[in-house]
């Protein structure tokens, strides 16, 4: 039976705690196969992509009538005057800004569009099971499995570290993605530390 023992696993738990400091996430507690990776490799993180529920502040320079606070609908889109329906889900702020500029260019010469994310509500993940603080977490940026575990306060002494699962719904079908914390701790099979998608559930048995 795989357990975290006091002393030997303390550095790992401390590392998880330190990861949480830079994530900028809020928590709502609703209820209690190859070796890969090169140490020291540079990791680049993709820009945040918009999700349903996010609030965007949109303004067009010198066009007071085109200042709006929009909420991305469950279908991933929002409406904007003159531009019509804008598909926002899965796109970065810069991509949406470019698309909106192209749409408005038909009516406004050289439009200057500014978009800011006022509230990030859609990038929600869940961490449950044998963690210190199970619950729902809204992250202001894309996060991976290790970062999600750190938001949950790290694992308890009874956690089964090599049987962690990420539950993800794809086209209405629920799948389970395996995650072995011990591998990651040893710098092995680092491809397991995937970027989480909105709605993913990290289960620590």
Foldseek 3Di string as FASTA:
>chain_A
DDFDDPPVCVVVLVVLQVLQVPFPKDFDAPDQDFWDDDPPDDDDFDWAAAAAQWWKFKDKPPCPVFTDTWGQHNVQWTQGPQQGIQRGGPHHPVVSQVSSQVSCCVPDPRIDMDMDTPDQDQQKEFEHDFFQAGGIMGTPTWAWPSNVSSVSSHGDRGWPQQAKWKWDADPNDIDTQGDHNVQVVVSTPVVSRDTDGGPIYIYTD
